[in-house]
Amino acid sequence: MTYDVSRRSLLGLGVGLGATALMGGSALARAPKLNTQPSYFYRFNLGGAQVTVVSDGPLPLGPPKGTFVGIPDEDIKKMLTDNFLSPDNIVLEQNSPIVNMGDKLVLFDTGMGTSKAFGPTTGRQQKSMAEAGIKPEEIDAVVFTHAHIDHIGGVVDDSGKVLFPNAQFYIAQSDFDYWTDEGKMGSPLKDFVVHARKNLLPVRDRLVFYKDGQEVLPGVTAMAAPGHTVGHHIFMITSDGKSMAFLGDLTHHQILLLEKPRMQFSYDTDPKQAAESRVKMLDMLAANKIPVMSYHYPWPGYGHVVKTGEGFHYIAEPMNMIL
């Protein structure tokens, strides 16, 4: 069925609105246009804990070709356009949960920090924290899912000063060793290694190495999901019988790497192993209906995954503006 919306019918509909509004007059344009958005944080409760999601800003990857591989480029474009997403520029969010467990305030991942490797929109985590009323000196623990540039980048400022003066830092030793290795400085990984060394070496004496299955902190359990990096982990966060999984980079995109979970991602250290970890963990999370939060999903990145034919589907949790 098509609708013939003529100028005359619009004017008829607009009797109650006033013709000037419909004709582009000034009746509805008395206020100036604003170039501001709400603060970049969001809160929800998890059992007896409170989760505050803070953003490090959008991270544009550019065209999907060469980044998402393993299926035809035209199929990837169709998956994006079918979901009303640009086929020419993949834009990821950077969502870090700060979990208030009552006795400890735990931050997961720290964003890009001072690096502008992916453009000028990243590096706002400290600003988002300030908007949320959380001071960096209040953070008791910083838990890294892995040591990629967009997850460990916000430990120090431009001058090299540590931004979380009272925090203990947690990471897998395999990732620390891999990404701070000077021997990789002459490789394509140089920028990642430089940034990891800049942010992790100043807190070397405050680093705690966690292992698969370990309760890193009360209510926070590490689960190995290697492939994206050698030591990539996701975390099960539990309080008063309620749980959620922080996925880190288990899957970067809510469509591409869910509907086709065995698709490969060029930033993975071992793409095939990453795909195996992705399918294994998503199967478990979907079967147990455990809420998930992903670092790179659309803001604020919290919802559920459900099993579909060959892959999975992400269902975003409606934002609740009343705690």
Protein backbone atom coordinates (compact mmCIF):
# COMPACT_ATOMS: atom_id res chain seq x y z
CA MET A 1 0.00 0.00 0.00
CA THR A 2 1.30 3.48 -0.82
CA TYR A 3 0.21 6.78 0.59
CA ASP A 4 -0.16 9.93 -1.52
CA VAL A 5 0.81 12.64 0.93
CA SER A 6 0.10 15.85 -0.94
CA ARG A 7 0.83 19.41 0.14
CA ARG A 8 -2.91 19.96 0.49
CA SER A 9 -3.36 16.93 2.79
CA LEU A 10 -0.43 18.07 4.92
CA LEU A 11 -1.99 21.48 5.28
CA GLY A 12 -5.24 19.81 6.23
CA LEU A 13 -3.51 17.80 8.92
CA GLY A 14 -1.76 20.88 10.13
CA VAL A 15 -4.81 22.97 10.96
CA GLY A 16 -4.17 22.47 14.65
CA LEU A 17 -0.46 23.03 14.34
CA GLY A 18 -0.48 26.23 12.37
CA ALA A 19 0.53 26.56 8.74
CA THR A 20 3.75 28.40 9.56
CA ALA A 21 5.15 25.35 11.35
CA LEU A 22 4.51 23.09 8.36
CA MET A 23 5.70 25.63 5.83
CA GLY A 24 9.09 26.06 7.51
CA GLY A 25 8.13 29.27 9.27
CA SER A 26 9.61 30.48 12.54
CA ALA A 27 6.81 29.33 14.82
CA LEU A 28 8.78 26.26 15.96
CA ALA A 29 12.26 27.72 15.57
CA ARG A 30 12.49 30.27 18.35
CA ALA A 31 15.05 28.30 20.36
CA PRO A 32 18.60 27.89 19.05
CA LYS A 33 19.76 24.47 17.95
CA LEU A 34 21.94 22.81 20.59
CA ASN A 35 25.08 20.80 19.97
CA THR A 36 25.16 18.97 23.29
CA GLN A 37 24.18 15.49 24.39
CA PRO A 38 23.41 13.97 27.81
CA SER A 39 26.25 12.83 30.05
CA TYR A 40 27.94 9.63 28.84
CA PHE A 41 27.18 7.34 31.80
CA TYR A 42 24.39 4.95 32.75
CA ARG A 43 23.57 3.13 36.01
CA PHE A 44 21.74 -0.06 36.89
CA ASN A 45 21.58 -2.40 39.87
CA LEU A 46 22.89 -5.97 39.92
CA GLY A 47 21.77 -7.68 43.09
CA GLY A 48 23.33 -5.67 45.90
CA ALA A 49 25.89 -4.09 43.57
CA GLN A 50 25.53 -0.99 41.45
CA VAL A 51 26.98 -0.80 37.95
CA THR A 52 27.89 2.53 36.38
CA VAL A 53 28.76 2.28 32.69
CA VAL A 54 31.13 5.01 31.51
CA SER A 55 32.11 5.63 27.91
CA ASP A 56 35.50 6.27 26.37
CA GLY A 57 33.72 7.54 23.26
CA PRO A 58 32.92 6.05 19.84
CA LEU A 59 35.67 4.16 18.03
CA PRO A 60 35.33 4.21 14.21
CA LEU A 61 36.97 1.27 12.41
CA GLY A 62 36.15 2.43 8.89
CA PRO A 63 34.98 0.10 6.10
CA PRO A 64 34.39 -3.53 7.12
CA LYS A 65 36.44 -4.92 4.20
CA GLY A 66 39.64 -6.48 5.49
CA THR A 67 38.58 -6.15 9.14
CA PHE A 68 35.69 -8.63 9.21
CA VAL A 69 36.71 -11.58 7.06
CA GLY A 70 35.63 -15.11 6.26
CA ILE A 71 32.39 -14.39 4.41
CA PRO A 72 31.84 -12.44 1.17
CA ASP A 73 32.06 -8.66 1.43
CA GLU A 74 28.62 -8.30 -0.15
CA ASP A 75 27.10 -10.50 2.57
CA ILE A 76 28.66 -8.29 5.23
CA LYS A 77 27.28 -5.16 3.60
CA LYS A 78 23.82 -6.74 3.42
CA MET A 79 23.95 -7.71 7.11
CA LEU A 80 24.73 -4.09 7.96
CA THR A 81 22.18 -2.44 5.69
CA ASP A 82 19.47 -4.93 6.74
CA ASN A 83 20.02 -3.62 10.27
CA PHE A 84 20.07 0.04 9.20
CA LEU A 85 23.82 0.37 9.79
CA SER A 86 26.33 2.05 7.52
CA PRO A 87 28.07 -0.39 5.18
CA ASP A 88 30.99 2.03 4.86
CA ASN A 89 32.01 2.72 8.45
CA ILE A 90 31.89 0.35 11.41
CA VAL A 91 31.58 2.39 14.61
CA LEU A 92 32.10 0.64 17.93
CA GLU A 93 31.31 1.99 21.38
CA GLN A 94 33.67 1.67 24.36
CA ASN A 95 31.64 0.76 27.44
CA SER A 96 33.44 0.25 30.74
CA PRO A 97 31.48 -0.93 33.79
CA ILE A 98 32.42 0.45 37.18
CA VAL A 99 30.99 -1.97 39.73
CA ASN A 100 30.34 -0.76 43.27
CA MET A 101 30.41 -3.97 45.33
CA GLY A 102 29.85 -2.07 48.58
CA ASP A 103 33.39 -2.47 49.89
CA LYS A 104 35.22 -2.02 46.58
CA LEU A 105 34.83 0.09 43.46
CA VAL A 106 36.00 -1.93 40.45
CA LEU A 107 36.65 -0.50 36.97
CA PHE A 108 36.89 -2.82 33.96
CA ASP A 109 39.18 -1.53 31.18
CA THR A 110 40.32 2.06 30.68
CA GLY A 111 39.80 3.01 27.03
CA MET A 112 42.19 4.56 24.52
CA GLY A 113 43.54 7.26 26.81
CA THR A 114 45.92 9.63 25.02
CA SER A 115 46.17 7.60 21.81
CA LYS A 116 44.28 8.94 18.81
CA ALA A 117 45.00 5.90 16.64
CA PHE A 118 41.26 5.62 15.88
CA GLY A 119 40.50 9.32 15.66
CA PRO A 120 39.49 12.18 17.96
CA THR A 121 36.28 10.77 19.50
CA THR A 122 38.01 8.38 21.91
CA GLY A 123 39.74 9.08 25.22
CA ARG A 124 36.83 10.53 27.21
CA GLN A 125 36.65 7.96 30.03
CA GLN A 126 37.88 10.37 32.69
CA LYS A 127 35.31 12.94 31.54
CA SER A 128 32.55 10.33 31.65
CA MET A 129 33.59 9.33 35.17
CA ALA A 130 33.43 12.97 36.27
CA GLU A 131 29.95 13.26 34.75
CA ALA A 132 28.97 10.19 36.78
CA GLY A 133 30.37 11.71 39.99
CA ILE A 134 33.15 9.11 40.33
CA LYS A 135 36.68 10.28 41.11
CA PRO A 136 39.66 8.25 39.83
CA GLU A 137 41.16 8.13 43.32
CA GLU A 138 38.02 6.28 44.48
CA ILE A 139 38.75 3.31 42.20
CA ASP A 140 40.06 0.37 44.27
CA ALA A 141 40.70 -2.06 41.42
CA VAL A 142 41.21 -1.84 37.65
CA VAL A 143 40.60 -5.15 35.88
CA PHE A 144 41.80 -5.54 32.30
CA THR A 145 40.13 -8.03 29.99
CA HIS A 146 43.25 -7.88 27.80
CA ALA A 147 46.07 -5.52 26.87
CA HIS A 148 44.91 -4.04 23.57
CA ILE A 149 45.38 -0.34 22.99
CA ASP A 150 41.70 0.55 23.58
CA HIS A 151 41.47 -1.29 26.91
CA ILE A 152 44.67 -0.33 28.77
CA GLY A 153 45.15 3.15 27.29
CA GLY A 154 43.68 5.23 30.09
CA VAL A 155 45.98 4.29 32.97
CA VAL A 156 48.25 7.33 32.59
CA ASP A 157 47.78 10.88 31.33
CA ASP A 158 49.85 12.81 28.76
CA SER A 159 52.67 13.33 31.25
CA GLY A 160 52.77 9.66 32.27
CA LYS A 161 51.07 10.27 35.63
CA VAL A 162 49.01 7.31 36.87
CA LEU A 163 45.35 8.35 36.95
CA PHE A 164 44.19 5.77 39.51
CA PRO A 165 46.51 6.40 42.47
CA ASN A 166 44.85 3.99 44.91
CA ALA A 167 44.04 1.08 42.59
CA GLN A 168 45.41 -2.42 42.29
CA PHE A 169 45.58 -3.56 38.65
CA TYR A 170 44.66 -7.03 37.36
CA ILE A 171 45.66 -8.69 34.07
CA ALA A 172 46.60 -12.09 32.62
CA GLN A 173 50.37 -12.50 32.70
CA SER A 174 50.40 -13.92 29.17
CA ASP A 175 48.87 -10.70 27.84
CA PHE A 176 51.17 -8.48 29.88
CA ASP A 177 54.24 -10.34 28.63
CA TYR A 178 53.06 -10.38 25.01
CA TRP A 179 52.09 -6.72 24.68
CA THR A 180 55.00 -5.18 26.62
CA ASP A 181 57.62 -7.21 24.72
CA GLU A 182 60.25 -4.86 23.27
CA GLY A 183 61.03 -7.50 20.68
CA LYS A 184 57.76 -6.65 18.92
CA MET A 185 58.69 -2.97 18.45
CA GLY A 186 59.82 -3.64 14.89
CA SER A 187 56.60 -5.43 13.93
CA PRO A 188 53.18 -4.20 12.74
CA LEU A 189 52.16 -4.37 16.42
CA LYS A 190 54.50 -1.50 17.34
CA ASP A 191 51.80 1.09 18.17
CA PHE A 192 50.00 -1.41 20.41
CA VAL A 193 53.23 -2.35 22.18
CA VAL A 194 54.29 1.28 22.69
CA HIS A 195 50.92 2.14 24.22
CA ALA A 196 50.87 -0.97 26.41
CA ARG A 197 54.34 -0.22 27.75
CA LYS A 198 53.40 3.41 28.37
CA ASN A 199 50.37 2.41 30.46
CA LEU A 200 51.31 -0.88 32.10
CA LEU A 201 54.97 -0.46 33.05
CA PRO A 202 54.29 2.50 35.41
CA VAL A 203 51.99 0.22 37.47
CA ARG A 204 54.10 -2.93 37.18
CA ASP A 205 54.56 -3.09 40.95
CA ARG A 206 50.78 -2.91 41.42
CA LEU A 207 49.87 -5.60 38.90
CA VAL A 208 48.21 -8.83 40.02
CA PHE A 209 48.11 -11.68 37.48
CA TYR A 210 44.85 -13.63 37.40
CA LYS A 211 44.16 -17.09 36.00
CA ASP A 212 41.22 -18.88 34.40
CA GLY A 213 38.51 -19.71 36.93
CA GLN A 214 40.02 -17.53 39.64
CA GLU A 215 37.86 -15.27 41.78
CA VAL A 216 39.94 -12.18 41.10
CA LEU A 217 37.97 -10.13 43.62
CA PRO A 218 34.93 -11.09 45.70
CA GLY A 219 32.12 -11.53 43.18
CA VAL A 220 34.42 -11.22 40.14
CA THR A 221 35.54 -14.44 38.40
CA ALA A 222 37.87 -14.65 35.40
CA MET A 223 37.01 -16.97 32.49
CA ALA A 224 39.63 -17.54 29.79
CA ALA A 225 38.44 -16.76 26.26
CA PRO A 226 41.70 -16.67 24.28
CA GLY A 227 42.17 -15.88 20.62
CA HIS A 228 41.45 -12.18 20.42
CA THR A 229 44.65 -11.95 22.44
CA VAL A 230 46.62 -14.75 24.08
CA GLY A 231 45.31 -13.83 27.53
CA HIS A 232 41.86 -12.44 26.78
CA HIS A 233 39.33 -13.17 29.55
CA ILE A 234 35.68 -12.40 30.19
CA PHE A 235 34.39 -11.85 33.72
CA MET A 236 31.39 -13.17 35.60
CA ILE A 237 30.22 -10.52 38.06
CA THR A 238 27.89 -11.73 40.84
CA SER A 239 26.11 -10.04 43.73
CA ASP A 240 23.30 -11.39 45.92
CA GLY A 241 22.52 -14.20 43.50
CA LYS A 242 22.38 -11.98 40.40
CA SER A 243 25.06 -12.30 37.70
CA MET A 244 26.17 -10.71 34.47
CA ALA A 245 29.09 -11.41 32.16
CA PHE A 246 31.38 -8.61 31.02
CA LEU A 247 32.45 -9.84 27.60
CA GLY A 248 35.35 -7.51 26.90
CA ASP A 249 36.14 -8.25 23.25
CA LEU A 250 34.61 -11.72 22.99
CA THR A 251 32.56 -10.26 20.14
CA HIS A 252 33.07 -6.76 18.77
CA HIS A 253 29.88 -6.30 16.81
CA GLN A 254 26.28 -6.95 17.78
CA ILE A 255 25.38 -8.13 14.26
CA LEU A 256 28.40 -9.36 12.36
CA LEU A 257 30.17 -11.44 14.99
CA LEU A 258 26.92 -12.73 16.52
CA GLU A 259 24.91 -13.76 13.49
CA LYS A 260 28.10 -15.22 11.98
CA PRO A 261 30.18 -16.03 15.08
CA ARG A 262 32.82 -17.92 13.11
CA MET A 263 33.54 -14.89 10.98
CA GLN A 264 37.10 -13.74 11.64
CA PHE A 265 38.22 -10.37 12.93
CA SER A 266 41.54 -9.01 11.72
CA TYR A 267 42.57 -7.63 15.11
CA ASP A 268 42.49 -11.12 16.64
CA THR A 269 45.88 -12.62 17.48
CA ASP A 270 44.51 -16.06 16.56
CA PRO A 271 41.23 -15.60 14.64
CA LYS A 272 40.30 -19.29 14.60
CA GLN A 273 40.86 -19.67 18.34
CA ALA A 274 38.90 -16.46 18.92
CA ALA A 275 35.96 -17.89 16.99
CA GLU A 276 36.05 -21.09 19.05
CA SER A 277 36.08 -19.07 22.29
CA ARG A 278 33.27 -16.89 21.00
CA VAL A 279 30.96 -19.79 20.15
CA LYS A 280 31.76 -21.69 23.36
CA MET A 281 31.09 -18.71 25.65
CA LEU A 282 28.03 -17.45 23.80
CA ASP A 283 26.52 -20.95 23.86
CA MET A 284 26.94 -21.04 27.64
CA LEU A 285 25.61 -17.51 28.20
CA ALA A 286 22.58 -18.04 25.95
CA ALA A 287 21.73 -21.44 27.47
CA ASN A 288 21.86 -20.01 31.00
CA LYS A 289 20.16 -16.71 30.06
CA ILE A 290 22.93 -14.73 31.74
CA PRO A 291 22.83 -10.98 31.04
CA VAL A 292 25.84 -9.72 29.15
CA MET A 293 27.65 -6.44 28.79
CA SER A 294 29.96 -5.91 25.84
CA TYR A 295 32.70 -3.30 25.62
CA HIS A 296 31.96 -2.49 21.98
CA TYR A 297 28.18 -2.92 21.59
CA PRO A 298 25.86 0.07 21.07
CA TRP A 299 25.62 2.20 24.19
CA PRO A 300 25.37 1.14 26.99
CA GLY A 301 26.04 -2.41 25.76
CA TYR A 302 23.86 -4.33 28.22
CA GLY A 303 21.39 -7.07 27.28
CA HIS A 304 21.08 -10.76 26.44
CA VAL A 305 22.24 -13.12 23.72
CA VAL A 306 19.93 -15.83 22.39
CA LYS A 307 20.74 -18.76 20.13
CA THR A 308 19.56 -18.65 16.53
CA GLY A 309 20.19 -21.09 13.67
CA GLU A 310 23.91 -20.87 13.06
CA GLY A 311 24.66 -18.02 15.41
CA PHE A 312 23.21 -15.68 18.00
CA HIS A 313 21.08 -12.60 18.36
CA TYR A 314 21.59 -9.68 20.75
CA ILE A 315 18.60 -8.23 22.59
CA ALA A 316 19.42 -4.92 24.25
CA GLU A 317 18.04 -4.41 27.75
CA PRO A 318 15.71 -1.38 27.81
CA MET A 319 17.39 1.51 29.60
CA ASN A 320 15.77 2.15 32.96
CA MET A 321 16.11 5.79 33.97
CA ILE A 322 14.74 5.20 37.48
CA LEU A 323 17.05 3.28 39.84
